[in-house]
C-alpha atoms as a PDB file:
ATOM      1  CA  MET A   1      96.386 149.807  74.230  1.00  0.00           C
ATOM      2  CA  GLN A   2      97.283 146.421  72.832  1.00  0.00           C
ATOM      3  CA  ALA A   3     100.406 144.530  73.752  1.00  0.00           C
ATOM      4  CA  ALA A   4     102.857 143.758  70.999  1.00  0.00           C
ATOM      5  CA  ALA A   5     102.978 140.068  70.215  1.00  0.00           C
ATOM      6  CA  ILE A   6     106.170 138.398  71.358  1.00  0.00           C
ATOM      7  CA  THR A   7     107.829 135.529  69.553  1.00  0.00           C
ATOM      8  CA  VAL A   8     110.572 133.817  71.552  1.00  0.00           C
ATOM      9  CA  SER A   9     112.570 130.936  70.125  1.00  0.00           C
ATOM     10  CA  THR A  10     111.699 127.630  71.738  1.00  0.00           C
ATOM     11  CA  ALA A  11     115.380 127.302  72.586  1.00  0.00           C
ATOM     12  CA  HIS A  12     114.979 130.164  75.025  1.00  0.00           C
ATOM     13  CA  THR A  13     112.066 129.146  77.197  1.00  0.00           C
ATOM     14  CA  LEU A  14     111.576 130.376  80.723  1.00  0.00           C
ATOM     15  CA  GLY A  15     112.586 127.081  82.301  1.00  0.00           C
ATOM     16  CA  GLY A  16     115.971 126.177  83.720  1.00  0.00           C
ATOM     17  CA  GLN A  17     117.772 128.099  86.385  1.00  0.00           C
ATOM     18  CA  PRO A  18     118.617 131.472  84.866  1.00  0.00           C
ATOM     19  CA  ASP A  19     119.977 133.911  87.379  1.00  0.00           C
ATOM     20  CA  ARG A  20     119.736 137.058  85.230  1.00  0.00           C
ATOM     21  CA  PRO A  21     116.947 137.694  84.407  1.00  0.00           C
ATOM     22  CA  ASP A  22     115.036 135.267  86.663  1.00  0.00           C
ATOM     23  CA  LEU A  23     111.485 134.021  86.031  1.00  0.00           C
ATOM     24  CA  ASP A  24     109.793 136.718  88.110  1.00  0.00           C
ATOM     25  CA  MET A  25     111.787 139.385  86.337  1.00  0.00           C
ATOM     26  CA  ILE A  26     110.879 138.036  82.900  1.00  0.00           C
ATOM     27  CA  ILE A  27     107.186 138.017  83.781  1.00  0.00           C
ATOM     28  CA  SER A  28     107.497 141.590  84.995  1.00  0.00           C
ATOM     29  CA  LEU A  29     109.241 142.554  81.780  1.00  0.00           C
ATOM     30  CA  LEU A  30     106.495 141.027  79.679  1.00  0.00           C
ATOM     31  CA  ILE A  31     103.884 142.976  81.629  1.00  0.00           C
ATOM     32  CA  LEU A  32     105.959 146.112  81.198  1.00  0.00           C
ATOM     33  CA  LEU A  33     106.201 145.508  77.463  1.00  0.00           C
ATOM     34  CA  ALA A  34     102.435 145.181  77.265  1.00  0.00           C
ATOM     35  CA  CYS A  35     102.114 148.592  78.900  1.00  0.00           C
ATOM     36  CA  THR A  36     104.635 150.308  76.630  1.00  0.00           C
ATOM     37  CA  SER A  37     103.760 148.867  73.232  1.00  0.00           C
ATOM     38  CA  HIS A  38     102.055 150.514  70.263  1.00  0.00           C
ATOM     39  CA  ASP A  39      98.578 151.993  70.573  1.00  0.00           C
ATOM     40  CA  GLN A  40      97.840 150.299  67.275  1.00  0.00           C
ATOM     41  CA  PRO A  41      97.710 146.501  67.074  1.00  0.00           C
ATOM     42  CA  GLY A  42     100.886 145.008  65.714  1.00  0.00           C
ATOM     43  CA  ASP A  43     103.155 142.012  65.697  1.00  0.00           C
ATOM     44  CA  THR A  44     106.624 142.786  66.911  1.00  0.00           C
ATOM     45  CA  SER A  45     108.607 139.563  66.734  1.00  0.00           C
ATOM     46  CA  LEU A  46     111.857 138.809  68.475  1.00  0.00           C
ATOM     47  CA  GLY A  47     112.911 136.985  65.331  1.00  0.00           C
ATOM     48  CA  THR A  48     115.269 138.543  62.807  1.00  0.00           C
ATOM     49  CA  ASP A  49     114.738 139.615  59.233  1.00  0.00           C
ATOM     50  CA  SER A  50     116.365 137.076  56.974  1.00  0.00           C
ATOM     51  CA  GLY A  51     116.361 139.454  54.043  1.00  0.00           C
ATOM     52  CA  SER A  52     119.102 141.834  53.074  1.00  0.00           C
ATOM     53  CA  GLY A  53     119.166 145.570  53.424  1.00  0.00           C
ATOM     54  CA  THR A  54     121.242 148.529  54.451  1.00  0.00           C
ATOM     55  CA  ARG A  55     122.105 149.377  58.007  1.00  0.00           C
ATOM     56  CA  SER A  56     119.794 152.157  59.082  1.00  0.00           C
ATOM     57  CA  GLY A  57     118.812 153.864  62.292  1.00  0.00           C
ATOM     58  CA  SER A  58     119.650 157.383  63.262  1.00  0.00           C
ATOM     59  CA  GLY A  59     120.995 156.735  66.718  1.00  0.00           C
ATOM     60  CA  SER A  60     124.137 158.390  67.921  1.00  0.00           C
ATOM     61  CA  GLY A  61     127.452 156.644  68.294  1.00  0.00           C
ATOM     62  CA  SER A  62     129.150 159.737  69.650  1.00  0.00           C
ATOM     63  CA  ASP A  63     129.894 160.464  73.266  1.00  0.00           C
ATOM     64  CA  SER A  64     127.142 163.023  73.592  1.00  0.00           C
ATOM     65  CA  GLY A  65     123.621 163.480  72.364  1.00  0.00           C
ATOM     66  CA  SER A  66     121.230 160.973  70.846  1.00  0.00           C
ATOM     67  CA  ASP A  67     118.646 160.821  68.118  1.00  0.00           C
ATOM     68  CA  SER A  68     115.534 158.761  67.775  1.00  0.00           C
ATOM     69  CA  GLY A  69     115.415 155.871  65.353  1.00  0.00           C
ATOM     70  CA  THR A  70     113.093 153.093  64.336  1.00  0.00           C
ATOM     71  CA  LEU A  71     113.933 149.445  63.912  1.00  0.00           C
ATOM     72  CA  GLY A  72     113.312 149.741  60.174  1.00  0.00           C
ATOM     73  CA  SER A  73     115.544 147.905  57.734  1.00  0.00           C
ATOM     74  CA  THR A  74     118.765 146.653  59.242  1.00  0.00           C
ATOM     75  CA  TRP A  75     121.931 145.214  57.769  1.00  0.00           C
ATOM     76  CA  PRO A  76     121.878 141.512  58.598  1.00  0.00           C
ATOM     77  CA  PRO A  77     124.914 139.329  58.021  1.00  0.00           C
ATOM     78  CA  ASP A  78     123.780 136.069  56.463  1.00  0.00           C
ATOM     79  CA  PRO A  79     123.525 133.286  59.090  1.00  0.00           C
ATOM     80  CA  SER A  80     125.968 131.244  57.006  1.00  0.00           C
ATOM     81  CA  THR A  81     128.708 133.594  58.181  1.00  0.00           C
ATOM     82  CA  TYR A  82     128.307 132.411  61.768  1.00  0.00           C
ATOM     83  CA  ASP A  83     126.280 129.174  61.891  1.00  0.00           C
ATOM     84  CA  CYS A  84     127.449 125.614  61.173  1.00  0.00           C
ATOM     85  CA  ARG A  85     128.279 126.544  57.567  1.00  0.00           C
ATOM     86  CA  ALA A  86     130.914 129.058  58.688  1.00  0.00           C
ATOM     87  CA  LYS A  87     134.538 128.148  58.175  1.00  0.00           C
ATOM     88  CA  GLY A  88     135.871 129.591  61.391  1.00  0.00           C
ATOM     89  CA  SER A  89     135.243 133.009  62.887  1.00  0.00           C
ATOM     90  CA  PRO A  90     134.467 135.888  60.509  1.00  0.00           C
ATOM     91  CA  ASP A  91     136.751 138.879  60.153  1.00  0.00           C
ATOM     92  CA  ARG A  92     136.474 141.574  62.806  1.00  0.00           C
ATOM     93  CA  ILE A  93     134.363 144.513  61.605  1.00  0.00           C
ATOM     94  CA  ASP A  94     133.998 146.353  64.923  1.00  0.00           C
ATOM     95  CA  PRO A  95     135.112 149.932  64.134  1.00  0.00           C
ATOM     96  CA  VAL A  96     136.200 150.611  67.721  1.00  0.00           C
ATOM     97  CA  ASP A  97     139.896 150.266  68.495  1.00  0.00           C
ATOM     98  CA  PRO A  98     140.173 147.012  70.497  1.00  0.00           C
ATOM     99  CA  THR A  99     142.355 148.720  73.099  1.00  0.00           C
ATOM    100  CA  CYS A 100     139.263 150.698  74.141  1.00  0.00           C
ATOM    101  CA  MET A 101     137.633 147.562  75.527  1.00  0.00           C
ATOM    102  CA  VAL A 102     140.355 147.180  78.157  1.00  0.00           C
ATOM    103  CA  ASP A 103     140.924 150.896  78.782  1.00  0.00           C
ATOM    104  CA  ARG A 104     138.873 152.074  81.764  1.00  0.00           C
ATOM    105  CA  THR A 105     139.217 155.699  80.610  1.00  0.00           C
ATOM    106  CA  CYS A 106     137.836 155.086  77.112  1.00  0.00           C
ATOM    107  CA  THR A 107     134.576 157.041  76.675  1.00  0.00           C
ATOM    108  CA  THR A 108     133.310 155.376  73.506  1.00  0.00           C
ATOM    109  CA  ARG A 109     129.817 153.949  73.872  1.00  0.00           C
ATOM    110  CA  LEU A 110     130.004 150.162  73.697  1.00  0.00           C
ATOM    111  CA  VAL A 111     127.711 147.119  73.695  1.00  0.00           C
ATOM    112  CA  SER A 112     127.998 143.627  75.175  1.00  0.00           C
ATOM    113  CA  GLY A 113     126.024 140.612  73.989  1.00  0.00           C
ATOM    114  CA  HIS A 114     124.475 138.747  76.927  1.00  0.00           C
ATOM    115  CA  ARG A 115     125.320 135.019  76.672  1.00  0.00           C
ATOM    116  CA  GLY A 116     127.040 135.753  73.381  1.00  0.00           C
ATOM    117  CA  MET A 117     124.392 137.277  71.142  1.00  0.00           C
ATOM    118  CA  GLY A 118     121.424 137.173  73.502  1.00  0.00           C
ATOM    119  CA  GLY A 119     119.886 134.634  75.860  1.00  0.00           C
ATOM    120  CA  THR A 120     116.186 134.335  76.628  1.00  0.00           C
ATOM    121  CA  PHE A 121     115.214 136.937  74.027  1.00  0.00           C
ATOM    122  CA  GLY A 122     118.077 136.451  71.571  1.00  0.00           C
ATOM    123  CA  ALA A 123     117.115 136.263  67.904  1.00  0.00           C
ATOM    124  CA  LEU A 124     120.249 135.272  66.023  1.00  0.00           C
ATOM    125  CA  ALA A 125     122.100 132.284  67.500  1.00  0.00           C
ATOM    126  CA  PRO A 126     121.703 129.804  70.379  1.00  0.00           C
ATOM    127  CA  GLU A 127     122.969 131.238  73.649  1.00  0.00           C
ATOM    128  CA  ASP A 128     126.473 130.540  74.900  1.00  0.00           C
ATOM    129  CA  THR A 129     127.550 128.749  71.704  1.00  0.00           C
ATOM    130  CA  VAL A 130     130.442 129.179  69.295  1.00  0.00           C
ATOM    131  CA  SER A 131     127.882 130.314  66.708  1.00  0.00           C
ATOM    132  CA  ALA A 132     126.786 133.074  69.094  1.00  0.00           C
ATOM    133  CA  VAL A 133     130.379 134.304  69.375  1.00  0.00           C
ATOM    134  CA  ARG A 134     130.768 134.246  65.597  1.00  0.00           C
ATOM    135  CA  ALA A 135     127.463 136.133  65.211  1.00  0.00           C
ATOM    136  CA  ALA A 136     128.682 138.807  67.622  1.00  0.00           C
ATOM    137  CA  ILE A 137     131.843 139.185  65.555  1.00  0.00           C
ATOM    138  CA  ALA A 138     129.863 139.333  62.302  1.00  0.00           C
ATOM    139  CA  TYR A 139     127.673 142.120  63.679  1.00  0.00           C
ATOM    140  CA  GLY A 140     130.529 144.072  65.254  1.00  0.00           C
ATOM    141  CA  VAL A 141     129.635 143.649  68.931  1.00  0.00           C
ATOM    142  CA  ASP A 142     132.302 144.839  71.386  1.00  0.00           C
ATOM    143  CA  PHE A 143     131.997 142.170  74.116  1.00  0.00           C
ATOM    144  CA  VAL A 144     130.404 138.747  74.545  1.00  0.00           C
ATOM    145  CA  GLU A 145     129.395 137.578  78.022  1.00  0.00           C
ATOM    146  CA  THR A 146     130.077 133.939  78.881  1.00  0.00           C
ATOM    147  CA  ASP A 147     129.004 131.430  81.542  1.00  0.00           C
ATOM    148  CA  PRO A 148     131.789 128.903  82.213  1.00  0.00           C
ATOM    149  CA  ARG A 149     131.136 126.115  84.699  1.00  0.00           C
ATOM    150  CA  PRO A 150     133.001 122.813  85.311  1.00  0.00           C
ATOM    151  CA  THR A 151     131.990 119.313  84.299  1.00  0.00           C
ATOM    152  CA  ALA A 152     132.423 116.272  86.529  1.00  0.00           C
ATOM    153  CA  ASP A 153     135.820 115.643  84.950  1.00  0.00           C
ATOM    154  CA  GLY A 154     137.031 119.188  85.526  1.00  0.00           C
ATOM    155  CA  VAL A 155     136.605 120.803  82.115  1.00  0.00           C
ATOM    156  CA  LEU A 156     134.959 124.212  81.810  1.00  0.00           C
ATOM    157  CA  VAL A 157     131.972 124.339  79.483  1.00  0.00           C
ATOM    158  CA  ASN A 158     129.993 127.418  78.513  1.00  0.00           C
ATOM    159  CA  LEU A 159     126.542 126.777  79.970  1.00  0.00           C
ATOM    160  CA  HIS A 160     124.328 129.267  81.775  1.00  0.00           C
ATOM    161  CA  ASP A 161     122.116 126.929  83.816  1.00  0.00           C
ATOM    162  CA  THR A 162     123.234 124.328  86.333  1.00  0.00           C
ATOM    163  CA  THR A 163     121.545 121.679  84.154  1.00  0.00           C
ATOM    164  CA  VAL A 164     121.559 120.947  80.420  1.00  0.00           C
ATOM    165  CA  ASP A 165     117.765 120.581  80.371  1.00  0.00           C
ATOM    166  CA  ARG A 166     116.715 123.950  78.942  1.00  0.00           C
ATOM    167  CA  THR A 167     119.262 124.425  76.171  1.00  0.00           C
ATOM    168  CA  THR A 168     119.880 120.867  74.905  1.00  0.00           C
ATOM    169  CA  ASP A 169     118.005 117.674  74.088  1.00  0.00           C
ATOM    170  CA  GLY A 170     119.307 116.033  77.263  1.00  0.00           C
ATOM    171  CA  THR A 171     118.822 116.213  81.001  1.00  0.00           C
ATOM    172  CA  GLY A 172     121.127 116.300  83.985  1.00  0.00           C
ATOM    173  CA  GLU A 173     123.331 118.488  86.152  1.00  0.00           C
ATOM    174  CA  ALA A 174     126.424 119.648  84.338  1.00  0.00           C
ATOM    175  CA  SER A 175     128.592 119.190  87.418  1.00  0.00           C
ATOM    176  CA  LYS A 176     127.687 115.496  87.504  1.00  0.00           C
ATOM    177  CA  MET A 177     128.237 114.853  83.794  1.00  0.00           C
ATOM    178  CA  SER A 178     131.476 114.313  81.921  1.00  0.00           C
ATOM    179  CA  LEU A 179     132.506 116.512  79.025  1.00  0.00           C
ATOM    180  CA  ALA A 180     131.855 113.632  76.640  1.00  0.00           C
ATOM    181  CA  GLU A 181     128.331 113.168  78.015  1.00  0.00           C
ATOM    182  CA  ILE A 182     127.539 116.859  77.679  1.00  0.00           C
ATOM    183  CA  GLN A 183     128.967 117.214  74.202  1.00  0.00           C
ATOM    184  CA  ALA A 184     127.007 114.194  72.992  1.00  0.00           C
ATOM    185  CA  LEU A 185     123.887 116.349  73.364  1.00  0.00           C
ATOM    186  CA  HIS A 186     122.483 118.656  70.682  1.00  0.00           C
ATOM    187  CA  VAL A 187     121.913 122.326  71.419  1.00  0.00           C
ATOM    188  CA  ASP A 188     118.273 123.292  70.924  1.00  0.00           C
ATOM    189  CA  ALA A 189     118.224 126.172  68.444  1.00  0.00           C
ATOM    190  CA  GLY A 190     114.453 126.367  68.252  1.00  0.00           C
ATOM    191  CA  ASP A 191     113.300 128.287  65.180  1.00  0.00           C
ATOM    192  CA  LEU A 192     116.325 130.552  64.879  1.00  0.00           C
ATOM    193  CA  PRO A 193     117.177 131.204  61.212  1.00  0.00           C
ATOM    194  CA  GLY A 194     120.269 129.305  60.119  1.00  0.00           C
ATOM    195  CA  ASP A 195     121.852 125.888  60.455  1.00  0.00           C
ATOM    196  CA  PHE A 196     122.863 125.136  64.050  1.00  0.00           C
ATOM    197  CA  SER A 197     122.684 121.350  63.776  1.00  0.00           C
ATOM    198  CA  CYS A 198     126.403 120.991  64.572  1.00  0.00           C
ATOM    199  CA  GLU A 199     126.217 122.973  67.794  1.00  0.00           C
ATOM    200  CA  ARG A 200     127.102 121.310  71.065  1.00  0.00           C
ATOM    201  CA  VAL A 201     127.707 122.855  74.478  1.00  0.00           C
ATOM    202  CA  PRO A 202     131.196 124.264  73.875  1.00  0.00           C
ATOM    203  CA  THR A 203     134.171 124.187  76.153  1.00  0.00           C
ATOM    204  CA  PHE A 204     135.283 127.530  77.506  1.00  0.00           C
ATOM    205  CA  GLN A 205     138.497 127.157  75.521  1.00  0.00           C
ATOM    206  CA  GLN A 206     136.479 126.799  72.319  1.00  0.00           C
ATOM    207  CA  ILE A 207     134.686 130.055  73.098  1.00  0.00           C
ATOM    208  CA  LEU A 208     137.931 131.887  73.854  1.00  0.00           C
ATOM    209  CA  SER A 209     139.603 130.565  70.711  1.00  0.00           C
ATOM    210  CA  ALA A 210     136.673 131.652  68.532  1.00  0.00           C
ATOM    211  CA  ALA A 211     136.784 135.144  70.072  1.00  0.00           C
ATOM    212  CA  ARG A 212     140.552 135.711  70.122  1.00  0.00           C
ATOM    213  CA  GLY A 213     141.573 138.733  68.080  1.00  0.00           C
ATOM    214  CA  ARG A 214     137.972 139.538  67.132  1.00  0.00           C
ATOM    215  CA  VAL A 215     135.761 140.244  70.165  1.00  0.00           C
ATOM    216  CA  HIS A 216     136.438 140.678  73.881  1.00  0.00           C
ATOM    217  CA  VAL A 217     135.077 138.092  76.301  1.00  0.00           C
ATOM    218  CA  LEU A 218     133.474 138.894  79.657  1.00  0.00           C
ATOM    219  CA  VAL A 219     134.249 135.850  81.785  1.00  0.00           C
ATOM    220  CA  ASP A 220     131.435 135.472  84.321  1.00  0.00           C
ATOM    221  CA  ALA A 221     133.246 133.827  87.221  1.00  0.00           C
ATOM    222  CA  ASN A 222     130.188 133.614  89.474  1.00  0.00           C
ATOM    223  CA  LYS A 223     129.234 130.107  88.379  1.00  0.00           C
ATOM    224  CA  THR A 224     132.314 128.289  89.660  1.00  0.00           C
ATOM    225  CA  ASP A 225     134.903 128.472  92.428  1.00  0.00           C
ATOM    226  CA  ARG A 226     137.531 126.951  90.110  1.00  0.00           C
ATOM    227  CA  VAL A 227     139.375 130.184  89.528  1.00  0.00           C
ATOM    228  CA  ASP A 228     142.434 128.136  88.555  1.00  0.00           C
ATOM    229  CA  LEU A 229     140.542 126.579  85.634  1.00  0.00           C
ATOM    230  CA  LEU A 230     139.220 129.933  84.445  1.00  0.00           C
ATOM    231  CA  VAL A 231     142.620 131.609  84.442  1.00  0.00           C
ATOM    232  CA  GLY A 232     144.257 128.460  83.079  1.00  0.00           C
ATOM    233  CA  ASP A 233     141.979 128.437  80.032  1.00  0.00           C
ATOM    234  CA  ILE A 234     142.600 132.125  79.378  1.00  0.00           C
ATOM    235  CA  VAL A 235     146.366 131.600  79.485  1.00  0.00           C
ATOM    236  CA  ALA A 236     146.200 128.374  77.450  1.00  0.00           C
ATOM    237  CA  THR A 237     144.298 130.084  74.635  1.00  0.00           C
ATOM    238  CA  ASP A 238     146.558 133.170  74.637  1.00  0.00           C
ATOM    239  CA  THR A 239     143.593 135.475  75.286  1.00  0.00           C
ATOM    240  CA  LEU A 240     144.886 137.621  78.149  1.00  0.00           C
ATOM    241  CA  GLU A 241     144.270 140.728  76.023  1.00  0.00           C
ATOM    242  CA  TRP A 242     140.842 139.516  74.911  1.00  0.00           C
ATOM    243  CA  ALA A 243     139.362 138.236  78.197  1.00  0.00           C
ATOM    244  CA  ILE A 244     138.034 140.169  81.196  1.00  0.00           C
ATOM    245  CA  PHE A 245     137.578 138.334  84.502  1.00  0.00           C
ATOM    246  CA  ASP A 246     134.114 139.370  85.685  1.00  0.00           C
ATOM    247  CA  THR A 247     132.672 138.629  89.126  1.00  0.00           C
ATOM    248  CA  SER A 248     130.949 140.079  92.179  1.00  0.00           C
ATOM    249  CA  SER A 249     133.520 138.297  94.370  1.00  0.00           C
ATOM    250  CA  VAL A 250     136.526 140.316  95.467  1.00  0.00           C
ATOM    251  CA  ASP A 251     138.112 137.124  96.747  1.00  0.00           C
ATOM    252  CA  LYS A 252     137.916 135.442  93.336  1.00  0.00           C
ATOM    253  CA  ILE A 253     139.551 138.442  91.682  1.00  0.00           C
ATOM    254  CA  ASP A 254     142.327 138.307  94.288  1.00  0.00           C
ATOM    255  CA  GLN A 255     142.823 134.613  93.547  1.00  0.00           C
ATOM    256  CA  ALA A 256     142.855 135.210  89.800  1.00  0.00           C
ATOM    257  CA  LEU A 257     145.393 138.026  90.016  1.00  0.00           C
ATOM    258  CA  ALA A 258     147.609 135.897  92.247  1.00  0.00           C
ATOM    259  CA  ILE A 259     147.723 133.346  89.422  1.00  0.00           C
ATOM    260  CA  GLU A 260     148.024 135.843  86.558  1.00  0.00           C
ATOM    261  CA  PRO A 261     148.839 139.463  87.534  1.00  0.00           C
ATOM    262  CA  ASP A 262     148.223 140.756  83.989  1.00  0.00           C
ATOM    263  CA  LEU A 263     144.595 139.634  83.908  1.00  0.00           C
ATOM    264  CA  HIS A 264     141.979 142.255  83.028  1.00  0.00           C
ATOM    265  CA  THR A 265     139.190 142.420  85.596  1.00  0.00           C
ATOM    266  CA  MET A 266     135.675 143.762  86.069  1.00  0.00           C
ATOM    267  CA  ILE A 267     133.904 144.369  89.371  1.00  0.00           C
ATOM    268  CA  ARG A 268     130.201 144.531  90.229  1.00  0.00           C
ATOM    269  CA  VAL A 269     128.863 147.076  92.708  1.00  0.00           C
ATOM    270  CA  ASP A 270     125.464 147.964  94.135  1.00  0.00           C
ATOM    271  CA  SER A 271     126.195 151.178  96.076  1.00  0.00           C
ATOM    272  CA  GLU A 272     128.614 154.064  96.224  1.00  0.00           C
ATOM    273  CA  GLN A 273     130.127 152.504  99.344  1.00  0.00           C
ATOM    274  CA  SER A 274     130.844 149.205  97.598  1.00  0.00           C
ATOM    275  CA  LEU A 275     132.243 151.142  94.630  1.00  0.00           C
ATOM    276  CA  ASP A 276     134.611 153.082  96.893  1.00  0.00           C
ATOM    277  CA  ASP A 277     135.601 149.980  98.844  1.00  0.00           C
ATOM    278  CA  GLU A 278     136.357 147.815  95.811  1.00  0.00           C
ATOM    279  CA  LEU A 279     138.210 150.502  93.883  1.00  0.00           C
ATOM    280  CA  ALA A 280     140.311 151.135  96.989  1.00  0.00           C
ATOM    281  CA  HIS A 281     140.987 147.415  97.312  1.00  0.00           C
ATOM    282  CA  PHE A 282     142.153 147.230  93.704  1.00  0.00           C
ATOM    283  CA  THR A 283     144.140 150.457  93.634  1.00  0.00           C
ATOM    284  CA  ASP A 284     147.218 148.654  92.306  1.00  0.00           C
ATOM    285  CA  HIS A 285     145.230 146.824  89.612  1.00  0.00           C
ATOM    286  CA  PRO A 286     142.103 148.824  88.710  1.00  0.00           C
ATOM    287  CA  PRO A 287     139.245 147.039  86.955  1.00  0.00           C
ATOM    288  CA  VAL A 288     138.656 147.968  83.314  1.00  0.00           C
ATOM    289  CA  ILE A 289     134.845 147.930  83.775  1.00  0.00           C
ATOM    290  CA  VAL A 290     132.490 148.476  86.712  1.00  0.00           C
ATOM    291  CA  GLU A 291     129.109 146.786  86.404  1.00  0.00           C
ATOM    292  CA  ILE A 292     126.318 148.530  88.288  1.00  0.00           C
ATOM    293  CA  GLU A 293     123.014 147.054  89.408  1.00  0.00           C
ATOM    294  CA  ASP A 294     120.103 147.344  86.980  1.00  0.00           C
ATOM    295  CA  THR A 295     118.172 149.353  89.556  1.00  0.00           C
ATOM    296  CA  MET A 296     121.045 151.726  90.331  1.00  0.00           C
ATOM    297  CA  PRO A 297     121.736 153.741  87.142  1.00  0.00           C
ATOM    298  CA  GLN A 298     122.474 156.730  89.372  1.00  0.00           C
ATOM    299  CA  LEU A 299     125.794 155.064  90.224  1.00  0.00           C
ATOM    300  CA  ALA A 300     127.113 155.707  86.715  1.00  0.00           C
ATOM    301  CA  PRO A 301     128.298 159.288  87.362  1.00  0.00           C
ATOM    302  CA  ALA A 302     130.120 158.124  90.509  1.00  0.00           C
ATOM    303  CA  VAL A 303     131.881 155.434  88.489  1.00  0.00           C
ATOM    304  CA  THR A 304     132.929 158.025  85.913  1.00  0.00           C
ATOM    305  CA  ALA A 305     134.087 160.432  88.623  1.00  0.00           C
ATOM    306  CA  ALA A 306     136.253 157.643  90.025  1.00  0.00           C
ATOM    307  CA  GLY A 307     138.076 157.337  86.697  1.00  0.00           C
ATOM    308  CA  ASN A 308     136.289 154.274  85.390  1.00  0.00           C
ATOM    309  CA  ARG A 309     133.254 153.452  83.237  1.00  0.00           C
ATOM    310  CA  ALA A 310     129.949 151.800  84.051  1.00  0.00           C
ATOM    311  CA  MET A 311     128.218 148.846  82.429  1.00  0.00           C
ATOM    312  CA  LYS A 312     124.562 147.946  83.009  1.00  0.00           C
ATOM    313  CA  ASP A 313     122.159 145.230  81.838  1.00  0.00           C
ATOM    314  CA  VAL A 314     119.437 146.677  79.611  1.00  0.00           C
ATOM    315  CA  PHE A 315     117.021 143.751  79.406  1.00  0.00           C
ATOM    316  CA  ILE A 316     114.035 145.910  80.362  1.00  0.00           C
ATOM    317  CA  GLU A 317     115.064 148.487  77.785  1.00  0.00           C
ATOM    318  CA  ASP A 318     115.408 145.717  75.180  1.00  0.00           C
ATOM    319  CA  LEU A 319     111.756 144.838  75.575  1.00  0.00           C
ATOM    320  CA  GLN A 320     110.690 148.470  75.614  1.00  0.00           C
ATOM    321  CA  VAL A 321     112.615 149.081  72.389  1.00  0.00           C
ATOM    322  CA  ILE A 322     111.004 146.079  70.741  1.00  0.00           C
ATOM    323  CA  GLY A 323     107.546 147.027  71.965  1.00  0.00           C
ATOM    324  CA  ALA A 324     107.894 150.646  70.820  1.00  0.00           C
ATOM    325  CA  ASP A 325     109.681 149.733  67.574  1.00  0.00           C
ATOM    326  CA  ASP A 326     112.137 152.497  68.414  1.00  0.00           C
ATOM    327  CA  VAL A 327     115.788 152.037  69.304  1.00  0.00           C
ATOM    328  CA  SER A 328     116.134 155.517  70.779  1.00  0.00           C
ATOM    329  CA  GLY A 329     115.262 154.071  74.198  1.00  0.00           C
ATOM    330  CA  TYR A 330     118.867 152.955  74.576  1.00  0.00           C
ATOM    331  CA  GLY A 331     119.928 156.593  74.451  1.00  0.00           C
ATOM    332  CA  ASP A 332     118.446 157.281  77.869  1.00  0.00           C
ATOM    333  CA  VAL A 333     120.806 154.764  79.442  1.00  0.00           C
ATOM    334  CA  TYR A 334     123.859 156.077  77.637  1.00  0.00           C
ATOM    335  CA  ASP A 335     122.856 159.646  78.471  1.00  0.00           C
ATOM    336  CA  ALA A 336     122.668 158.674  82.161  1.00  0.00           C
ATOM    337  CA  GLY A 337     126.408 158.053  82.007  1.00  0.00           C
ATOM    338  CA  VAL A 338     126.504 154.303  81.357  1.00  0.00           C
ATOM    339  CA  MET A 339     129.202 153.587  78.779  1.00  0.00           C
ATOM    340  CA  ILE A 340     128.551 149.879  78.136  1.00  0.00           C
ATOM    341  CA  LEU A 341     125.112 148.345  77.630  1.00  0.00           C
ATOM    342  CA  GLN A 342     124.762 144.588  78.077  1.00  0.00           C
ATOM    343  CA  SER A 343     121.839 143.501  75.946  1.00  0.00           C
ATOM    344  CA  GLU A 344     119.712 140.536  74.922  1.00  0.00           C
ATOM    345  CA  ARG A 345     119.490 142.201  71.520  1.00  0.00           C
ATOM    346  CA  PRO A 346     122.924 143.737  70.932  1.00  0.00           C
ATOM    347  CA  GLU A 347     122.205 144.118  67.233  1.00  0.00           C
ATOM    348  CA  LEU A 348     119.506 146.654  68.126  1.00  0.00           C
ATOM    349  CA  VAL A 349     121.890 148.608  70.358  1.00  0.00           C
ATOM    350  CA  LEU A 350     124.318 148.689  67.438  1.00  0.00           C
ATOM    351  CA  GLU A 351     121.529 150.074  65.286  1.00  0.00           C
ATOM    352  CA  TYR A 352     120.998 152.866  67.808  1.00  0.00           C
ATOM    353  CA  LEU A 353     124.733 153.577  67.686  1.00  0.00           C
ATOM    354  CA  ALA A 354     124.537 153.642  63.858  1.00  0.00           C
ATOM    355  CA  ARG A 355     127.250 151.007  63.634  1.00  0.00           C
END
């Protein structure tokens, strides 16, 4: 058995301080991919086809059942619709009613783009950039995950790592740099197809403004204690209906709701006990999503039974899908009761869903 070759953009190296997935996890995933790839030698690249074609794939977008599909020919929006040549955000093409994204009882199968349109293994746009948000909109992704953290002068920027080293041409800790210093740096787009020469580390407000009315934003609040800044930016950009405050900290959610009671929230749980405890705590303001640990898919039915819906990272499944050249692997996760898949390759999940 020969491992499928893996091509990762140089903008998404294994350096930096990623917290999800971490270095050990990525190495494990690569080993796993080697064990689950084709029996025949092949070159499965994490790049994207720059040609045109029709959207294919025979996956199931319904609430039950799934079919197998191959990666085959996909419908790719031209990079000019979301890179530096784009004149603003593209029109929303997501066929799902946007109210579903903030309705905890909605049973439509959904997909979230990790760090916008993919991080370490993303193939379309640099992570955590405005271009990544526009790409998610162009492809019809339901949610984009973000990583806001404050600069030295108290402005939230969308940056996954504590430093700018991995994703830009500069060095330094974001918390010790001013906004002007950070935005003077160029985002490293590696060999991603398209023109990303204009990209800088964006402010959180820039991300929210690009997403407003087109794609819902998962606001990862774990990277800062400045809950006031997070909620302030959401209110300032008029994105209360398009942002979901996402954290493992019950205290931060309490703080956020004290500032803005109409805020949509998302909790993270790792056991049935923590699920019960947090849902009880938020009885008067239930979360619209419950994220479960990667290693605890068995929690999904309990989340559903409690009147909510589960989301799970599918980074391992992403690599298995790429290695097997078969998007049907996502069906196992949906069939286990998970309603929202957060992916490094959301465009492949959409192919499974035949969207």
